[in-house]
Amino acid sequence: MGRVAQRVADQRLLRLIRAFLNAGVMEDGLVSPTPEGTPARRPLSPLLSNLVLDELDRELSVAATVRALCGRLQHLRSAVNGRGSG
């Protein structure tokens, strides 16, 4: 919930998400608790997935930027050392 709370400011929505996570699942008419996570194909799954995937997307974007900068730095070093490609 900590990660969700970092992205969601609305306390009512946070309470609703917590209620969904604590609700458990009904199987054959009996409610069973879910010790962690959220069952697949439930209304909350896409929301939580998107929050996590947004974080992953940002991390991958940062990693790609770092790789690109390192490549440029290597090219610059080669040019400074007289081993440029052009």
N, C-alpha and C. Protein backbone atom coordinates (compact mmCIF):
# COMPACT_ATOMS: atom_id res chain seq x y z
N MET A 1 0.82 -1.20 0.00
CA MET A 1 0.00 0.00 0.00
C MET A 1 0.86 1.25 0.00
N GLY A 2 2.09 1.13 0.50
CA GLY A 2 2.96 2.29 0.53
C GLY A 2 3.23 2.86 -0.86
N ARG A 3 3.50 1.97 -1.81
CA ARG A 3 3.74 2.42 -3.19
C ARG A 3 2.49 3.05 -3.79
N VAL A 4 1.35 2.47 -3.48
CA VAL A 4 0.09 3.02 -4.00
C VAL A 4 -0.13 4.41 -3.40
N ALA A 5 0.11 4.55 -2.12
CA ALA A 5 -0.11 5.83 -1.45
C ALA A 5 0.83 6.92 -1.97
N GLN A 6 2.00 6.53 -2.49
CA GLN A 6 2.91 7.52 -3.08
C GLN A 6 2.31 8.12 -4.34
N ARG A 7 1.48 7.35 -5.04
CA ARG A 7 0.91 7.82 -6.30
C ARG A 7 -0.52 8.32 -6.19
N VAL A 8 -1.24 7.87 -5.16
CA VAL A 8 -2.66 8.21 -5.01
C VAL A 8 -2.82 9.05 -3.75
N ALA A 9 -3.30 10.27 -3.92
CA ALA A 9 -3.45 11.18 -2.78
C ALA A 9 -4.82 11.08 -2.12
N ASP A 10 -5.82 10.63 -2.84
CA ASP A 10 -7.20 10.59 -2.35
C ASP A 10 -7.35 9.48 -1.29
N GLN A 11 -7.60 9.89 -0.05
CA GLN A 11 -7.72 8.93 1.05
C GLN A 11 -8.91 7.99 0.88
N ARG A 12 -9.99 8.50 0.30
CA ARG A 12 -11.15 7.62 0.06
C ARG A 12 -10.80 6.50 -0.90
N LEU A 13 -10.05 6.82 -1.95
CA LEU A 13 -9.64 5.81 -2.91
C LEU A 13 -8.67 4.81 -2.27
N LEU A 14 -7.77 5.30 -1.43
CA LEU A 14 -6.85 4.40 -0.74
C LEU A 14 -7.61 3.43 0.18
N ARG A 15 -8.63 3.93 0.87
CA ARG A 15 -9.45 3.04 1.72
C ARG A 15 -10.18 2.00 0.88
N LEU A 16 -10.67 2.42 -0.28
CA LEU A 16 -11.36 1.48 -1.17
C LEU A 16 -10.40 0.40 -1.68
N ILE A 17 -9.20 0.80 -2.06
CA ILE A 17 -8.21 -0.17 -2.52
C ILE A 17 -7.87 -1.15 -1.40
N ARG A 18 -7.66 -0.63 -0.20
CA ARG A 18 -7.36 -1.51 0.93
C ARG A 18 -8.51 -2.48 1.19
N ALA A 19 -9.74 -2.00 1.09
CA ALA A 19 -10.91 -2.88 1.29
C ALA A 19 -10.93 -3.99 0.24
N PHE A 20 -10.63 -3.65 -1.02
CA PHE A 20 -10.56 -4.66 -2.08
C PHE A 20 -9.50 -5.70 -1.75
N LEU A 21 -8.33 -5.24 -1.30
CA LEU A 21 -7.23 -6.16 -1.01
C LEU A 21 -7.54 -7.06 0.17
N ASN A 22 -8.31 -6.57 1.13
CA ASN A 22 -8.63 -7.36 2.31
C ASN A 22 -9.90 -8.18 2.18
N ALA A 23 -10.61 -8.04 1.08
CA ALA A 23 -11.92 -8.66 0.93
C ALA A 23 -11.87 -10.18 0.80
N GLY A 24 -10.79 -10.74 0.28
CA GLY A 24 -10.74 -12.18 0.04
C GLY A 24 -11.46 -12.54 -1.25
N VAL A 25 -11.62 -13.84 -1.47
CA VAL A 25 -12.29 -14.32 -2.68
C VAL A 25 -13.37 -15.32 -2.29
N MET A 26 -14.40 -15.39 -3.12
CA MET A 26 -15.47 -16.35 -2.87
C MET A 26 -15.30 -17.52 -3.83
N GLU A 27 -15.20 -18.71 -3.25
CA GLU A 27 -15.10 -19.94 -4.03
C GLU A 27 -16.13 -20.93 -3.50
N ASP A 28 -16.98 -21.37 -4.39
CA ASP A 28 -18.04 -22.32 -4.02
C ASP A 28 -18.88 -21.80 -2.85
N GLY A 29 -19.15 -20.51 -2.83
CA GLY A 29 -20.00 -19.91 -1.82
C GLY A 29 -19.30 -19.59 -0.51
N LEU A 30 -18.01 -19.90 -0.39
CA LEU A 30 -17.26 -19.63 0.83
C LEU A 30 -16.21 -18.55 0.57
N VAL A 31 -16.12 -17.59 1.48
CA VAL A 31 -15.13 -16.53 1.35
C VAL A 31 -13.82 -17.00 1.98
N SER A 32 -12.76 -16.92 1.19
CA SER A 32 -11.42 -17.29 1.67
C SER A 32 -10.55 -16.04 1.69
N PRO A 33 -9.74 -15.86 2.72
CA PRO A 33 -8.85 -14.70 2.76
C PRO A 33 -7.75 -14.83 1.72
N THR A 34 -7.26 -13.69 1.25
CA THR A 34 -6.09 -13.68 0.38
C THR A 34 -4.95 -13.08 1.19
N PRO A 35 -3.96 -13.89 1.59
CA PRO A 35 -2.91 -13.40 2.47
C PRO A 35 -2.08 -12.27 1.86
N GLU A 36 -1.90 -12.27 0.55
CA GLU A 36 -1.15 -11.18 -0.09
C GLU A 36 -1.55 -11.10 -1.55
N GLY A 37 -1.34 -9.92 -2.12
CA GLY A 37 -1.65 -9.73 -3.53
C GLY A 37 -3.13 -9.56 -3.78
N THR A 38 -3.46 -9.54 -5.05
CA THR A 38 -4.86 -9.44 -5.45
C THR A 38 -5.12 -10.51 -6.50
N PRO A 39 -6.24 -11.18 -6.43
CA PRO A 39 -6.53 -12.22 -7.42
C PRO A 39 -6.57 -11.65 -8.84
N ALA A 40 -6.14 -12.45 -9.78
CA ALA A 40 -6.16 -12.03 -11.19
C ALA A 40 -7.60 -11.86 -11.66
N ARG A 41 -7.76 -11.07 -12.67
CA ARG A 41 -9.06 -10.80 -13.31
C ARG A 41 -10.06 -10.16 -12.34
N ARG A 42 -9.57 -9.41 -11.40
CA ARG A 42 -10.43 -8.66 -10.49
C ARG A 42 -10.32 -7.19 -10.86
N PRO A 43 -11.29 -6.36 -10.47
CA PRO A 43 -11.28 -4.95 -10.88
C PRO A 43 -10.03 -4.19 -10.47
N LEU A 44 -9.37 -4.60 -9.40
CA LEU A 44 -8.22 -3.87 -8.90
C LEU A 44 -6.93 -4.22 -9.63
N SER A 45 -6.86 -5.38 -10.25
CA SER A 45 -5.63 -5.84 -10.91
C SER A 45 -5.07 -4.84 -11.92
N PRO A 46 -5.87 -4.31 -12.84
CA PRO A 46 -5.31 -3.37 -13.82
C PRO A 46 -4.76 -2.10 -13.18
N LEU A 47 -5.42 -1.59 -12.16
CA LEU A 47 -4.95 -0.38 -11.49
C LEU A 47 -3.59 -0.61 -10.86
N LEU A 48 -3.46 -1.69 -10.09
CA LEU A 48 -2.20 -1.98 -9.42
C LEU A 48 -1.11 -2.30 -10.44
N SER A 49 -1.45 -3.03 -11.49
CA SER A 49 -0.48 -3.35 -12.53
C SER A 49 0.04 -2.09 -13.20
N ASN A 50 -0.85 -1.17 -13.50
CA ASN A 50 -0.43 0.07 -14.16
C ASN A 50 0.47 0.91 -13.26
N LEU A 51 0.21 0.92 -11.96
CA LEU A 51 1.08 1.66 -11.05
C LEU A 51 2.50 1.08 -11.08
N VAL A 52 2.60 -0.24 -11.03
CA VAL A 52 3.91 -0.89 -11.05
C VAL A 52 4.57 -0.72 -12.41
N LEU A 53 3.80 -0.87 -13.49
CA LEU A 53 4.38 -0.75 -14.83
C LEU A 53 4.83 0.68 -15.11
N ASP A 54 4.17 1.67 -14.55
CA ASP A 54 4.63 3.06 -14.70
C ASP A 54 6.02 3.23 -14.09
N GLU A 55 6.22 2.64 -12.91
CA GLU A 55 7.54 2.70 -12.26
C GLU A 55 8.58 2.01 -13.13
N LEU A 56 8.24 0.84 -13.65
CA LEU A 56 9.17 0.10 -14.51
C LEU A 56 9.51 0.90 -15.76
N ASP A 57 8.51 1.51 -16.35
CA ASP A 57 8.73 2.32 -17.55
C ASP A 57 9.70 3.46 -17.28
N ARG A 58 9.53 4.12 -16.15
CA ARG A 58 10.45 5.21 -15.79
C ARG A 58 11.87 4.70 -15.59
N GLU A 59 12.00 3.57 -14.92
CA GLU A 59 13.34 3.00 -14.69
C GLU A 59 14.00 2.61 -16.00
N LEU A 60 13.25 2.01 -16.90
CA LEU A 60 13.81 1.63 -18.20
C LEU A 60 14.20 2.85 -19.01
N SER A 61 13.43 3.90 -18.91
CA SER A 61 13.74 5.13 -19.62
C SER A 61 15.04 5.74 -19.10
N VAL A 62 15.20 5.73 -17.79
CA VAL A 62 16.44 6.25 -17.20
C VAL A 62 17.62 5.39 -17.65
N ALA A 63 17.46 4.08 -17.64
CA ALA A 63 18.54 3.18 -18.05
C ALA A 63 18.92 3.42 -19.51
N ALA A 64 17.95 3.62 -20.38
CA ALA A 64 18.23 3.88 -21.79
C ALA A 64 18.97 5.19 -21.96
N THR A 65 18.59 6.19 -21.19
CA THR A 65 19.28 7.49 -21.26
C THR A 65 20.73 7.34 -20.81
N VAL A 66 20.96 6.60 -19.74
CA VAL A 66 22.32 6.39 -19.26
C VAL A 66 23.15 5.65 -20.30
N ARG A 67 22.58 4.61 -20.92
CA ARG A 67 23.31 3.88 -21.97
C ARG A 67 23.66 4.80 -23.13
N ALA A 68 22.72 5.64 -23.53
CA ALA A 68 22.97 6.56 -24.64
C ALA A 68 24.07 7.55 -24.29
N LEU A 69 24.05 8.07 -23.07
CA LEU A 69 25.10 9.01 -22.65
C LEU A 69 26.46 8.33 -22.58
N CYS A 70 26.50 7.10 -22.12
CA CYS A 70 27.77 6.37 -22.07
C CYS A 70 28.32 6.15 -23.47
N GLY A 71 27.45 5.85 -24.41
CA GLY A 71 27.88 5.67 -25.81
C GLY A 71 28.45 6.96 -26.37
N ARG A 72 27.81 8.08 -26.08
CA ARG A 72 28.31 9.37 -26.54
C ARG A 72 29.64 9.71 -25.90
N LEU A 73 29.78 9.36 -24.62
CA LEU A 73 31.03 9.62 -23.92
C LEU A 73 32.17 8.81 -24.55
N GLN A 74 31.91 7.56 -24.88
CA GLN A 74 32.93 6.73 -25.52
C GLN A 74 33.32 7.31 -26.88
N HIS A 75 32.36 7.78 -27.62
CA HIS A 75 32.62 8.40 -28.92
C HIS A 75 33.48 9.66 -28.74
N LEU A 76 33.14 10.46 -27.74
CA LEU A 76 33.90 11.68 -27.46
C LEU A 76 35.33 11.33 -27.06
N ARG A 77 35.50 10.34 -26.21
CA ARG A 77 36.85 9.91 -25.82
C ARG A 77 37.65 9.47 -27.03
N SER A 78 37.03 8.71 -27.90
CA SER A 78 37.73 8.27 -29.12
C SER A 78 38.14 9.45 -29.97
N ALA A 79 37.28 10.44 -30.10
CA ALA A 79 37.59 11.62 -30.90
C ALA A 79 38.73 12.42 -30.27
N VAL A 80 38.70 12.55 -28.95
CA VAL A 80 39.74 13.29 -28.25
C VAL A 80 41.09 12.57 -28.39
N ASN A 81 41.06 11.28 -28.37
CA ASN A 81 42.29 10.49 -28.47
C ASN A 81 42.74 10.27 -29.92
N GLY A 82 42.05 10.91 -30.88
CA GLY A 82 42.44 10.79 -32.28
C GLY A 82 42.01 9.50 -32.94
N ARG A 83 41.06 8.79 -32.34
CA ARG A 83 40.59 7.55 -32.94
C ARG A 83 39.14 7.69 -33.40
N GLY A 84 38.76 8.91 -33.76
CA GLY A 84 37.39 9.16 -34.18
C GLY A 84 37.03 8.43 -35.44
N SER A 85 35.75 8.29 -35.68
CA SER A 85 35.28 7.53 -36.84
C SER A 85 35.19 8.40 -38.08
N GLY A 86 35.38 9.70 -37.97
CA GLY A 86 35.18 10.53 -39.15
C GLY A 86 36.32 11.36 -39.39
